[in-house]
Amino acid sequence: MRVRFFAAAAEAAGREEQQITTDLTLGDLLAQLRVEHGAEFARVLDRCAIRVDGATVDQRHPIAATATVDVLPPFAGG
């Protein structure tokens, strides 16, 4: 799957994109990202919206290998 990080999430992860080759649920993916990218990323992730192929899904949702997961911090402005 393709994981895309935006704004503060990209800064905290140290990258804008990452490929994950393991089959995971959304909850498992988020846990893996927290461990892999550390405490600052985990703090940012707690405030982010997560979209899988543009949709909001629950933590048990399985993510297909072809999916795109977006990690979107809150945006300011209007």
N, C-alpha and C. Protein backbone atom coordinates (compact mmCIF):
# COMPACT_ATOMS: atom_id res chain seq x y z
N MET A 1 0.83 -1.17 0.00
CA MET A 1 0.00 0.00 0.00
C MET A 1 0.88 1.24 0.00
N ARG A 2 0.32 2.30 -0.48
CA ARG A 2 1.02 3.58 -0.53
C ARG A 2 0.49 4.44 0.61
N VAL A 3 1.39 4.88 1.49
CA VAL A 3 1.01 5.76 2.60
C VAL A 3 1.58 7.13 2.30
N ARG A 4 0.71 8.13 2.25
CA ARG A 4 1.14 9.50 1.96
C ARG A 4 0.96 10.35 3.22
N PHE A 5 2.02 11.09 3.55
CA PHE A 5 2.02 11.97 4.71
C PHE A 5 1.96 13.42 4.23
N PHE A 6 1.13 14.23 4.86
CA PHE A 6 0.98 15.62 4.46
C PHE A 6 1.37 16.54 5.62
N ALA A 7 1.90 17.71 5.26
CA ALA A 7 2.19 18.82 6.20
C ALA A 7 2.96 18.32 7.42
N ALA A 8 2.44 18.55 8.63
CA ALA A 8 3.14 18.20 9.86
C ALA A 8 3.42 16.70 9.97
N ALA A 9 2.55 15.88 9.40
CA ALA A 9 2.78 14.43 9.43
C ALA A 9 4.01 14.06 8.60
N ALA A 10 4.18 14.71 7.45
CA ALA A 10 5.36 14.47 6.61
C ALA A 10 6.63 14.94 7.32
N GLU A 11 6.54 16.08 7.97
CA GLU A 11 7.70 16.59 8.71
C GLU A 11 8.09 15.64 9.84
N ALA A 12 7.11 15.16 10.59
CA ALA A 12 7.39 14.27 11.72
C ALA A 12 7.88 12.89 11.25
N ALA A 13 7.37 12.42 10.11
CA ALA A 13 7.80 11.12 9.58
C ALA A 13 9.14 11.21 8.86
N GLY A 14 9.52 12.42 8.45
CA GLY A 14 10.77 12.59 7.71
C GLY A 14 10.66 12.18 6.26
N ARG A 15 9.43 12.08 5.77
CA ARG A 15 9.20 11.72 4.37
C ARG A 15 7.76 12.06 4.01
N GLU A 16 7.50 12.09 2.71
CA GLU A 16 6.15 12.39 2.23
C GLU A 16 5.38 11.14 1.84
N GLU A 17 6.09 10.05 1.66
CA GLU A 17 5.44 8.83 1.18
C GLU A 17 6.22 7.61 1.65
N GLN A 18 5.50 6.51 1.77
CA GLN A 18 6.11 5.26 2.21
C GLN A 18 5.31 4.10 1.61
N GLN A 19 6.00 3.05 1.23
CA GLN A 19 5.35 1.83 0.74
C GLN A 19 5.36 0.79 1.85
N ILE A 20 4.23 0.14 2.04
CA ILE A 20 4.10 -0.95 3.01
C ILE A 20 3.67 -2.17 2.21
N THR A 21 4.39 -3.29 2.37
CA THR A 21 4.09 -4.48 1.57
C THR A 21 3.33 -5.55 2.35
N THR A 22 3.14 -5.36 3.63
CA THR A 22 2.46 -6.33 4.48
C THR A 22 0.96 -6.05 4.50
N ASP A 23 0.14 -7.09 4.49
CA ASP A 23 -1.30 -6.93 4.65
C ASP A 23 -1.59 -6.54 6.10
N LEU A 24 -2.31 -5.45 6.29
CA LEU A 24 -2.60 -4.93 7.62
C LEU A 24 -4.01 -4.38 7.69
N THR A 25 -4.55 -4.33 8.90
CA THR A 25 -5.75 -3.54 9.11
C THR A 25 -5.29 -2.10 9.33
N LEU A 26 -6.22 -1.17 9.30
CA LEU A 26 -5.85 0.22 9.56
C LEU A 26 -5.24 0.36 10.95
N GLY A 27 -5.81 -0.28 11.95
CA GLY A 27 -5.27 -0.21 13.30
C GLY A 27 -3.84 -0.72 13.39
N ASP A 28 -3.57 -1.84 12.72
CA ASP A 28 -2.21 -2.39 12.71
C ASP A 28 -1.24 -1.47 11.99
N LEU A 29 -1.70 -0.87 10.90
CA LEU A 29 -0.85 0.07 10.17
C LEU A 29 -0.48 1.26 11.04
N LEU A 30 -1.47 1.84 11.71
CA LEU A 30 -1.19 3.01 12.55
C LEU A 30 -0.25 2.67 13.70
N ALA A 31 -0.42 1.49 14.28
CA ALA A 31 0.50 1.05 15.35
C ALA A 31 1.92 0.89 14.81
N GLN A 32 2.06 0.31 13.63
CA GLN A 32 3.38 0.13 13.02
C GLN A 32 4.03 1.48 12.73
N LEU A 33 3.25 2.42 12.20
CA LEU A 33 3.81 3.75 11.90
C LEU A 33 4.25 4.47 13.17
N ARG A 34 3.49 4.33 14.25
CA ARG A 34 3.87 4.96 15.53
C ARG A 34 5.23 4.45 16.00
N VAL A 35 5.42 3.14 15.94
CA VAL A 35 6.69 2.54 16.37
C VAL A 35 7.83 2.95 15.44
N GLU A 36 7.57 2.86 14.15
CA GLU A 36 8.62 3.13 13.16
C GLU A 36 9.09 4.58 13.17
N HIS A 37 8.17 5.52 13.35
CA HIS A 37 8.53 6.94 13.22
C HIS A 37 8.69 7.68 14.54
N GLY A 38 8.39 7.05 15.67
CA GLY A 38 8.70 7.63 16.96
C GLY A 38 7.63 8.51 17.60
N ALA A 39 8.01 9.05 18.76
CA ALA A 39 7.07 9.76 19.63
C ALA A 39 6.51 11.04 19.01
N GLU A 40 7.33 11.82 18.33
CA GLU A 40 6.83 13.06 17.73
C GLU A 40 5.80 12.75 16.65
N PHE A 41 6.08 11.75 15.83
CA PHE A 41 5.12 11.35 14.80
C PHE A 41 3.83 10.85 15.46
N ALA A 42 3.94 10.04 16.50
CA ALA A 42 2.76 9.52 17.19
C ALA A 42 1.90 10.66 17.73
N ARG A 43 2.53 11.70 18.24
CA ARG A 43 1.79 12.86 18.76
C ARG A 43 1.03 13.54 17.63
N VAL A 44 1.67 13.72 16.49
CA VAL A 44 1.01 14.33 15.33
C VAL A 44 -0.09 13.41 14.81
N LEU A 45 0.19 12.12 14.73
CA LEU A 45 -0.77 11.16 14.20
C LEU A 45 -2.07 11.17 15.00
N ASP A 46 -1.99 11.40 16.31
CA ASP A 46 -3.18 11.44 17.15
C ASP A 46 -4.16 12.53 16.72
N ARG A 47 -3.68 13.55 16.02
CA ARG A 47 -4.54 14.66 15.59
C ARG A 47 -4.94 14.55 14.12
N CYS A 48 -4.47 13.53 13.43
CA CYS A 48 -4.67 13.42 11.99
C CYS A 48 -5.97 12.70 11.62
N ALA A 49 -6.48 13.07 10.46
CA ALA A 49 -7.54 12.29 9.81
C ALA A 49 -6.84 11.28 8.91
N ILE A 50 -7.39 10.08 8.85
CA ILE A 50 -6.82 9.02 8.02
C ILE A 50 -7.88 8.64 6.98
N ARG A 51 -7.46 8.60 5.73
CA ARG A 51 -8.36 8.21 4.64
C ARG A 51 -7.72 7.04 3.89
N VAL A 52 -8.53 6.03 3.61
CA VAL A 52 -8.09 4.89 2.81
C VAL A 52 -8.84 4.97 1.49
N ASP A 53 -8.11 5.20 0.43
CA ASP A 53 -8.71 5.41 -0.89
C ASP A 53 -9.81 6.47 -0.83
N GLY A 54 -9.56 7.52 -0.06
CA GLY A 54 -10.46 8.65 0.03
C GLY A 54 -11.61 8.50 1.01
N ALA A 55 -11.72 7.36 1.67
CA ALA A 55 -12.83 7.11 2.58
C ALA A 55 -12.35 7.00 4.03
N THR A 56 -13.23 7.36 4.94
CA THR A 56 -12.98 7.14 6.36
C THR A 56 -13.41 5.71 6.69
N VAL A 57 -12.53 4.95 7.32
CA VAL A 57 -12.82 3.56 7.68
C VAL A 57 -12.45 3.34 9.14
N ASP A 58 -12.96 2.25 9.73
CA ASP A 58 -12.62 1.99 11.13
C ASP A 58 -11.31 1.22 11.24
N GLN A 59 -10.85 1.08 12.46
CA GLN A 59 -9.53 0.49 12.74
C GLN A 59 -9.42 -0.97 12.30
N ARG A 60 -10.53 -1.68 12.17
CA ARG A 60 -10.50 -3.09 11.78
C ARG A 60 -10.49 -3.29 10.27
N HIS A 61 -10.60 -2.21 9.53
CA HIS A 61 -10.69 -2.28 8.07
C HIS A 61 -9.39 -2.84 7.48
N PRO A 62 -9.47 -3.93 6.69
CA PRO A 62 -8.27 -4.44 6.01
C PRO A 62 -7.90 -3.52 4.85
N ILE A 63 -6.62 -3.32 4.68
CA ILE A 63 -6.14 -2.43 3.63
C ILE A 63 -5.51 -3.26 2.51
N ALA A 64 -6.03 -3.08 1.31
CA ALA A 64 -5.53 -3.82 0.14
C ALA A 64 -4.14 -3.34 -0.24
N ALA A 65 -3.37 -4.21 -0.86
CA ALA A 65 -2.02 -3.87 -1.29
C ALA A 65 -2.02 -2.72 -2.29
N THR A 66 -3.11 -2.53 -2.99
CA THR A 66 -3.21 -1.47 -4.00
C THR A 66 -3.78 -0.15 -3.43
N ALA A 67 -4.07 -0.12 -2.15
CA ALA A 67 -4.71 1.05 -1.53
C ALA A 67 -3.74 2.21 -1.34
N THR A 68 -4.32 3.40 -1.24
CA THR A 68 -3.59 4.60 -0.86
C THR A 68 -4.16 5.09 0.46
N VAL A 69 -3.27 5.28 1.43
CA VAL A 69 -3.66 5.76 2.75
C VAL A 69 -3.09 7.17 2.91
N ASP A 70 -3.95 8.12 3.20
CA ASP A 70 -3.53 9.51 3.41
C ASP A 70 -3.58 9.85 4.88
N VAL A 71 -2.50 10.43 5.40
CA VAL A 71 -2.39 10.88 6.78
C VAL A 71 -2.45 12.41 6.73
N LEU A 72 -3.59 12.95 7.18
CA LEU A 72 -3.90 14.37 6.99
C LEU A 72 -4.02 15.11 8.33
N PRO A 73 -3.05 15.93 8.67
CA PRO A 73 -3.17 16.72 9.88
C PRO A 73 -4.26 17.79 9.69
N PRO A 74 -4.73 18.38 10.80
CA PRO A 74 -5.71 19.47 10.65
C PRO A 74 -5.10 20.61 9.86
N PHE A 75 -5.89 21.20 9.00
CA PHE A 75 -5.44 22.31 8.19
C PHE A 75 -6.06 23.61 8.68
N ALA A 76 -5.28 24.65 8.72
CA ALA A 76 -5.77 25.97 9.11
C ALA A 76 -6.21 26.72 7.86
N GLY A 77 -6.98 27.72 8.05
CA GLY A 77 -7.36 28.55 6.91
C GLY A 77 -8.80 28.32 6.52
N GLY A 78 -9.20 28.90 5.42
CA GLY A 78 -10.59 28.76 5.03
C GLY A 78 -10.83 28.91 3.62
